[in-house]
Protein backbone atom coordinates (compact mmCIF):
# COMPACT_ATOMS: atom_id res chain seq x y z
CA UNK A 1 -16.50 86.70 39.06
CA UNK A 2 -19.71 88.34 40.08
CA UNK A 3 -21.80 87.92 36.92
CA UNK A 4 -25.11 86.07 37.03
CA UNK A 5 -26.97 84.32 34.26
CA UNK A 6 -29.67 86.97 34.29
CA UNK A 7 -27.33 89.93 33.82
CA UNK A 8 -24.10 88.76 32.21
CA UNK A 9 -23.45 88.20 28.52
CA UNK A 10 -20.02 86.95 27.48
CA UNK A 11 -18.40 89.19 24.84
CA UNK A 12 -16.79 87.21 22.02
CA UNK A 13 -14.15 88.41 19.59
CA UNK A 14 -13.02 86.49 16.52
CA UNK A 15 -9.48 87.35 15.44
CA UNK A 16 -8.72 86.03 11.98
CA UNK A 17 -6.05 86.51 9.35
CA UNK A 18 -3.87 84.52 7.00
CA UNK A 19 -0.74 82.65 8.08
CA UNK A 20 1.71 84.99 9.78
CA UNK A 21 -0.71 87.92 10.01
CA UNK A 22 -0.11 88.27 13.76
CA UNK A 23 -3.21 86.66 15.26
CA UNK A 24 -1.43 84.85 18.10
CA UNK A 25 0.73 87.90 18.84
CA UNK A 26 -2.40 90.04 19.16
CA UNK A 27 -4.13 87.55 21.47
CA UNK A 28 -0.99 87.16 23.59
CA UNK A 29 -0.87 90.93 24.06
CA UNK A 30 -4.55 90.99 25.04
CA UNK A 31 -3.98 88.25 27.63
CA UNK A 32 -0.93 90.04 28.98
CA UNK A 33 -2.89 93.25 29.58
CA UNK A 34 -6.30 91.94 30.59
CA UNK A 35 -7.59 92.60 34.14
CA UNK A 36 -5.82 90.07 36.34
CA UNK A 37 -9.02 89.27 38.25
CA UNK A 38 -10.84 88.26 35.06
CA UNK A 39 -10.65 84.78 33.58
CA UNK A 40 -10.61 84.74 29.77
CA UNK A 41 -11.09 81.80 27.43
CA UNK A 42 -9.22 81.41 24.14
CA UNK A 43 -10.46 78.89 21.59
CA UNK A 44 -7.52 78.25 19.32
CA UNK A 45 -7.63 76.39 16.03
CA UNK A 46 -4.25 74.99 15.00
CA UNK A 47 -3.48 72.95 11.91
CA UNK A 48 -1.56 70.31 13.87
CA UNK A 49 -1.74 69.26 17.52
CA UNK A 50 1.74 70.39 18.60
CA UNK A 51 0.15 73.29 20.48
CA UNK A 52 2.96 75.82 19.92
CA UNK A 53 0.54 78.77 19.84
CA UNK A 54 -1.12 77.44 23.00
CA UNK A 55 2.23 77.55 24.79
CA UNK A 56 2.89 81.06 23.53
CA UNK A 57 -0.43 82.33 24.87
CA UNK A 58 -0.01 80.56 28.21
CA UNK A 59 3.37 82.23 28.72
CA UNK A 60 1.87 85.68 28.08
CA UNK A 61 -1.33 85.46 30.13
CA UNK A 62 -1.88 87.70 33.15
CA UNK A 63 -4.06 86.19 35.84
CA UNK A 64 -6.61 83.45 35.17
CA UNK A 65 -7.11 82.11 31.66
CA UNK A 66 -8.07 78.97 29.74
CA UNK A 67 -6.77 78.04 26.30
CA UNK A 68 -8.60 75.27 24.47
CA UNK A 69 -7.10 73.93 21.26
CA UNK A 70 -9.13 72.51 18.41
CA UNK A 71 -6.75 70.96 15.86
CA UNK A 72 -7.69 70.44 12.24
CA UNK A 73 -6.88 73.60 10.32
CA UNK A 74 -10.45 74.66 9.53
CA UNK A 75 -12.56 75.44 12.59
CA UNK A 76 -15.73 75.90 10.57
CA UNK A 77 -15.40 72.44 8.99
CA UNK A 78 -13.17 69.77 10.52
CA UNK A 79 -13.47 71.33 13.98
CA UNK A 80 -17.07 72.52 13.81
CA UNK A 81 -18.54 69.82 16.04
CA UNK A 82 -15.75 70.20 18.59
CA UNK A 83 -16.24 73.97 18.61
CA UNK A 84 -19.99 73.60 19.16
CA UNK A 85 -19.41 71.04 21.92
CA UNK A 86 -16.87 73.25 23.68
CA UNK A 87 -19.17 76.27 23.65
CA UNK A 88 -22.26 74.29 24.62
CA UNK A 89 -20.42 72.67 27.53
CA UNK A 90 -19.20 76.05 28.74
CA UNK A 91 -22.63 77.64 28.70
CA UNK A 92 -24.11 74.65 30.54
CA UNK A 93 -21.99 75.60 33.58
CA UNK A 94 -23.27 78.01 36.25
CA UNK A 95 -22.79 81.59 35.08
CA UNK A 96 -20.38 82.21 37.95
CA UNK A 97 -17.94 79.88 36.15
CA UNK A 98 -18.21 81.60 32.77
CA UNK A 99 -15.20 83.50 31.42
CA UNK A 100 -15.32 87.28 31.28
CA UNK A 101 -14.42 87.19 27.56
CA UNK A 102 -13.94 84.64 24.78
CA UNK A 103 -11.34 85.09 22.07
CA UNK A 104 -11.50 82.82 19.02
CA UNK A 105 -8.55 82.38 16.68
CA UNK A 106 -9.37 80.37 13.55
CA UNK A 107 -6.51 78.83 11.62
CA UNK A 108 -4.90 81.02 8.97
CA UNK A 109 -6.39 78.78 6.29
CA UNK A 110 -9.86 78.70 7.82
CA UNK A 111 -13.03 80.36 6.58
CA UNK A 112 -14.57 82.41 9.44
CA UNK A 113 -17.97 83.07 7.87
CA UNK A 114 -19.70 80.03 9.34
CA UNK A 115 -18.12 80.67 12.75
CA UNK A 116 -19.95 84.01 12.75
CA UNK A 117 -23.14 82.19 11.79
CA UNK A 118 -22.62 79.59 14.53
CA UNK A 119 -22.12 82.29 17.17
CA UNK A 120 -25.29 84.01 16.02
CA UNK A 121 -27.14 80.81 16.92
CA UNK A 122 -25.60 80.83 20.40
CA UNK A 123 -26.49 84.52 20.78
CA UNK A 124 -30.16 83.62 20.87
CA UNK A 125 -29.63 82.20 24.35
CA UNK A 126 -28.53 85.63 25.56
CA UNK A 127 -25.36 84.10 27.04
CA UNK A 128 -22.89 85.36 24.44
CA UNK A 129 -22.57 88.34 22.15
CA UNK A 130 -20.29 88.60 19.16
CA UNK A 131 -18.60 91.93 19.78
CA UNK A 132 -16.45 91.88 16.67
CA UNK A 133 -14.96 89.75 13.93
CA UNK A 134 -11.53 91.14 13.16
CA UNK A 135 -9.56 90.50 9.96
CA UNK A 136 -5.83 91.19 10.23
CA UNK A 137 -4.02 91.96 6.97
CA UNK A 138 -0.24 91.77 7.07
CA UNK A 139 1.36 95.02 5.90
CA UNK A 140 4.44 93.12 4.74
CA UNK A 141 2.56 90.46 2.78
CA UNK A 142 0.20 92.46 0.57
CA UNK A 143 1.00 95.01 -2.10
CA UNK A 144 -2.33 95.07 -3.93
CA UNK A 145 -5.28 95.00 -1.53
CA UNK A 146 -7.75 94.59 -4.38
CA UNK A 147 -6.23 91.19 -5.29
CA UNK A 148 -6.39 89.18 -2.10
CA UNK A 149 -6.38 85.41 -2.38
CA UNK A 150 -9.63 83.54 -1.77
CA UNK A 151 -8.93 82.81 1.91
CA UNK A 152 -7.94 86.38 2.80
CA UNK A 153 -10.94 87.73 0.88
CA UNK A 154 -13.28 85.40 2.75
CA UNK A 155 -11.82 86.60 6.05
CA UNK A 156 -12.35 90.25 5.07
CA UNK A 157 -15.91 89.53 3.91
CA UNK A 158 -16.79 87.86 7.22
CA UNK A 159 -15.33 90.65 9.37
CA UNK A 160 -16.85 93.88 10.61
CA UNK A 161 -13.39 95.19 11.59
CA UNK A 162 -10.41 95.29 9.22
CA UNK A 163 -6.95 96.16 10.55
CA UNK A 164 -3.57 96.60 8.89
CA UNK A 165 -1.35 94.43 11.08
CA UNK A 166 2.34 95.20 11.65
CA UNK A 167 1.43 98.74 10.65
CA UNK A 168 4.53 100.00 12.46
CA UNK A 169 6.51 98.42 9.60
CA UNK A 170 4.49 100.21 6.91
CA UNK A 171 5.26 103.65 5.47
CA UNK A 172 2.66 106.34 4.91
CA UNK A 173 2.14 105.29 1.30
CA UNK A 174 1.21 101.74 2.31
CA UNK A 175 -1.05 103.00 5.10
CA UNK A 176 -2.83 105.40 2.77
CA UNK A 177 -3.42 102.76 0.08
CA UNK A 178 -4.73 100.32 2.70
CA UNK A 179 -7.07 102.93 4.16
CA UNK A 180 -8.43 103.89 0.74
CA UNK A 181 -9.08 100.26 -0.14
CA UNK A 182 -10.64 99.40 3.23
CA UNK A 183 -12.93 102.42 3.18
CA UNK A 184 -14.18 101.40 -0.27
CA UNK A 185 -15.34 97.94 0.84
CA UNK A 186 -18.99 97.05 0.48
CA UNK A 187 -20.77 96.45 2.71
CA UNK A 188 -18.76 99.01 4.69
CA UNK A 189 -16.80 97.89 7.74
CA UNK A 190 -17.70 99.12 11.20
CA UNK A 191 -14.09 100.02 11.95
CA UNK A 192 -10.91 100.30 9.87
CA UNK A 193 -7.58 100.88 11.57
CA UNK A 194 -4.07 99.73 12.36
CA UNK A 195 -2.43 97.20 14.67
CA UNK A 196 1.10 98.03 15.76
CA UNK A 197 3.35 95.51 17.53
CA UNK A 198 0.35 93.27 18.11
CA UNK A 199 -1.78 95.87 19.92
CA UNK A 200 -5.42 96.02 18.81
CA UNK A 201 -7.35 99.31 18.99
CA UNK A 202 -10.04 99.42 21.67
CA UNK A 203 -12.66 100.14 19.00
CA UNK A 204 -11.81 96.84 17.30
CA UNK A 205 -12.77 94.83 20.40
CA UNK A 206 -15.74 96.84 21.63
CA UNK A 207 -19.25 95.98 20.43
CA UNK A 208 -20.84 98.39 17.96
CA UNK A 209 -22.74 101.31 19.49
CA UNK A 210 -25.58 100.68 17.07
CA UNK A 211 -26.57 97.23 15.85
CA UNK A 212 -24.18 96.12 13.12
CA UNK A 213 -25.12 93.36 10.70
CA UNK A 214 -22.67 90.51 10.29
CA UNK A 215 -24.64 89.20 7.30
CA UNK A 216 -22.40 87.84 4.59
CA UNK A 217 -22.33 89.74 1.27
CA UNK A 218 -24.29 87.85 -1.35
CA UNK A 219 -21.44 87.27 -3.75
CA UNK A 220 -21.72 83.77 -5.26
CA UNK A 221 -18.89 82.11 -3.36
CA UNK A 222 -20.11 83.19 0.06
CA UNK A 223 -23.77 82.59 -0.73
CA UNK A 224 -22.93 79.03 -1.67
CA UNK A 225 -20.86 78.57 1.48
CA UNK A 226 -23.93 78.55 3.70
CA UNK A 227 -25.26 75.60 1.74
CA UNK A 228 -21.86 73.92 1.66
CA UNK A 229 -21.70 73.54 5.44
CA UNK A 230 -23.78 70.39 5.43
CA UNK A 231 -21.50 68.76 2.86
CA UNK A 232 -18.42 70.14 4.63
CA UNK A 233 -16.87 71.72 1.54
CA UNK A 234 -15.90 75.30 0.78
CA UNK A 235 -17.02 76.91 -2.46
CA UNK A 236 -13.79 78.87 -2.87
CA UNK A 237 -11.60 75.83 -2.47
CA UNK A 238 -12.66 72.18 -2.63
CA UNK A 239 -11.26 70.80 0.61
CA UNK A 240 -10.54 67.15 1.15
CA UNK A 241 -11.55 66.72 4.79
CA UNK A 242 -10.16 63.21 5.13
CA UNK A 243 -7.34 63.38 7.69
CA UNK A 244 -4.40 61.14 6.87
CA UNK A 245 -1.96 60.98 9.74
CA UNK A 246 0.89 58.79 10.87
CA UNK A 247 3.43 58.94 13.70
CA UNK A 248 7.03 57.82 13.57
CA UNK A 249 10.00 57.86 15.91
CA UNK A 250 13.06 59.99 15.20
CA UNK A 251 16.45 59.72 16.89
CA UNK A 252 17.75 63.16 17.92
CA UNK A 253 20.89 63.51 20.06
CA UNK A 254 20.56 59.92 21.17
CA UNK A 255 16.97 60.14 22.39
CA UNK A 256 13.65 59.29 20.79
CA UNK A 257 11.46 62.11 19.49
CA UNK A 258 7.98 61.77 18.03
CA UNK A 259 7.09 63.09 14.58
CA UNK A 260 3.48 63.21 13.43
CA UNK A 261 2.83 63.94 9.79
CA UNK A 262 -0.58 64.60 8.30
CA UNK A 263 -2.41 65.50 5.12
CA UNK A 264 -5.53 67.62 5.49
CA UNK A 265 -7.25 70.28 3.39
CA UNK A 266 -4.84 69.49 0.52
CA UNK A 267 -1.89 70.42 2.73
CA UNK A 268 0.98 68.45 4.19
CA UNK A 269 2.13 69.24 7.71
CA UNK A 270 4.39 67.72 10.31
CA UNK A 271 4.90 68.28 14.02
CA UNK A 272 7.87 67.13 16.10
CA UNK A 273 7.71 66.63 19.90
CA UNK A 274 11.25 66.51 21.29
CA UNK A 275 12.32 65.77 24.89
CA UNK A 276 13.93 68.67 26.75
CA UNK A 277 17.13 66.65 27.09
CA UNK A 278 17.93 67.75 23.52
CA UNK A 279 19.64 71.06 22.74
CA UNK A 280 19.35 72.87 19.40
CA UNK A 281 22.22 74.91 17.99
CA UNK A 282 20.95 78.50 17.73
CA UNK A 283 23.54 79.46 15.11
CA UNK A 284 22.50 76.60 12.87
CA UNK A 285 18.85 77.52 13.31
CA UNK A 286 19.64 81.07 12.22
CA UNK A 287 21.57 79.77 9.23
CA UNK A 288 18.57 77.65 8.28
CA UNK A 289 16.28 80.67 8.47
CA UNK A 290 18.66 82.55 6.17
CA UNK A 291 18.71 79.75 3.59
CA UNK A 292 15.95 80.74 1.18
CA UNK A 293 16.18 77.48 -0.77
CA UNK A 294 15.17 75.50 2.32
CA UNK A 295 11.81 77.23 2.55
CA UNK A 296 10.49 76.71 -0.95
CA UNK A 297 6.94 75.42 -0.66
CA UNK A 298 6.79 76.03 3.12
CA UNK A 299 3.85 78.23 4.15
CA UNK A 300 4.50 78.40 7.89
CA UNK A 301 7.14 77.24 10.34
CA UNK A 302 7.00 77.60 14.13
CA UNK A 303 9.18 76.08 16.81
CA UNK A 304 9.83 76.42 20.51
CA UNK A 305 13.20 74.80 21.14
CA UNK A 306 15.76 74.56 23.91
CA UNK A 307 19.02 76.17 22.75
CA UNK A 308 20.91 76.21 26.06
CA UNK A 309 20.54 74.87 29.58
CA UNK A 310 18.63 77.98 30.67
CA UNK A 311 17.40 79.20 27.30
CA UNK A 312 14.35 78.45 25.16
CA UNK A 313 13.61 80.26 21.91
CA UNK A 314 10.61 80.80 19.65
CA UNK A 315 11.64 80.40 16.01
CA UNK A 316 9.35 81.37 13.14
CA UNK A 317 9.43 81.62 9.35
CA UNK A 318 6.59 82.84 7.11
CA UNK A 319 6.31 84.57 3.71
CA UNK A 320 10.01 85.29 3.47
CA UNK A 321 10.17 86.68 7.01
CA UNK A 322 11.77 85.04 10.04
CA UNK A 323 12.49 85.66 13.70
CA UNK A 324 14.13 84.12 16.75
CA UNK A 325 13.15 85.47 20.17
CA UNK A 326 13.60 84.21 23.72
CA UNK A 327 10.75 82.17 25.20
CA UNK A 328 9.83 80.87 28.64
CA UNK A 329 10.82 77.42 29.91
CA UNK A 330 8.86 74.53 28.43
CA UNK A 331 8.58 70.85 29.18
CA UNK A 332 9.74 69.89 25.70
CA UNK A 333 10.73 71.31 22.32
CA UNK A 334 8.13 71.45 19.58
CA UNK A 335 8.37 72.09 15.86
CA UNK A 336 5.49 72.60 13.44
CA UNK A 337 5.74 72.96 9.68
CA UNK A 338 2.94 73.51 7.20
CA UNK A 339 3.39 73.34 3.44
CA UNK A 340 1.60 75.23 0.70
CA UNK A 341 -1.41 73.52 -0.89
CA UNK A 342 -0.54 70.46 -2.98
CA UNK A 343 3.17 70.67 -2.08
CA UNK A 344 4.58 67.36 -0.88
CA UNK A 345 7.62 66.92 1.36
CA UNK A 346 10.13 64.24 2.19
CA UNK A 347 9.95 64.66 5.95
CA UNK A 348 13.03 62.49 6.43
CA UNK A 349 15.09 65.37 5.01
CA UNK A 350 13.82 67.62 7.81
CA UNK A 351 14.50 64.86 10.35
CA UNK A 352 18.11 64.92 9.15
CA UNK A 353 18.29 68.70 9.52
CA UNK A 354 17.18 68.45 13.15
CA UNK A 355 19.66 65.62 13.76
CA UNK A 356 22.49 67.76 12.41
CA UNK A 357 21.78 70.68 14.74
CA UNK A 358 21.03 68.88 18.04
CA UNK A 359 23.12 67.54 20.90
CA UNK A 360 22.42 66.16 24.39
CA UNK A 361 21.72 68.73 27.09
CA UNK A 362 24.25 68.39 29.94
CA UNK A 363 21.47 69.09 32.45
CA UNK A 364 18.03 67.42 32.14
């Protein structure tokens, strides 16, 4: 890259949204279509450390890129120090080594307001500029835009761009109601639009022509949030930031897999790391996705699994929706499951499900 510290400012985009809103899909599409000669950095906040979204982005990227994962589920709280350290370390490098753009994806349960505030601090150095904070709202998940849950509302409040994601799945009535609601927001948003098949409008990524204020509206919950940062608690939801984690071994198809379960932010989650010598039965995976009773209390499920000697698949389930699509080769299979707040699971039952649908791969 040819930029110098005296002339180059790194544009930064925050892409937020609740679980399943399409954040990773949007970033993957951006990486796939970015200029090949540019190196982009993605800072990705995942609830567990399985890194499934990291693998998805790496498979999509065109040209140079760097994906840095910050686990913990809430970038502005449990991952705040790591985020600050990552950004400080980057800007300490010679400008010739800086990325041409930074994309930040907070977790779907994270509050982005303090990330905006943190970036404003870094902006004073002149090295970065927050071009936009984008809130994605899933067309399939919301029927009444005026009654968003606390997390989605916080994401909308912190954003200057609001997009209806998966808009290609929405009819004109849904689009019209979304547009009417979004245009009525106060303070008004810089840009309101649609995202179809993961593509973000150019206006959503570009910096405002005139200076746009990212100041948080002074509603009580958000006003208190600025003071809550020091105590690491959100006003809209009292988070328990104590991470409780344990790792166990699971026998799948005669080999040892690792399962790491954790409790954080009042949520249970578990991630499985499975050697690539294990094959999953694709038909049984599809049957599991179709079994509505299996997903009660499950907020988000993602997996990249080997289903044949030459085939890997990305499996997802969220808010009553599911999908199985082909994926690139990976070194191992990975499963991540996140439960709804205060829902508890017997993870051994899920271990048994994986045992029932796996077999040894005839080729390593």
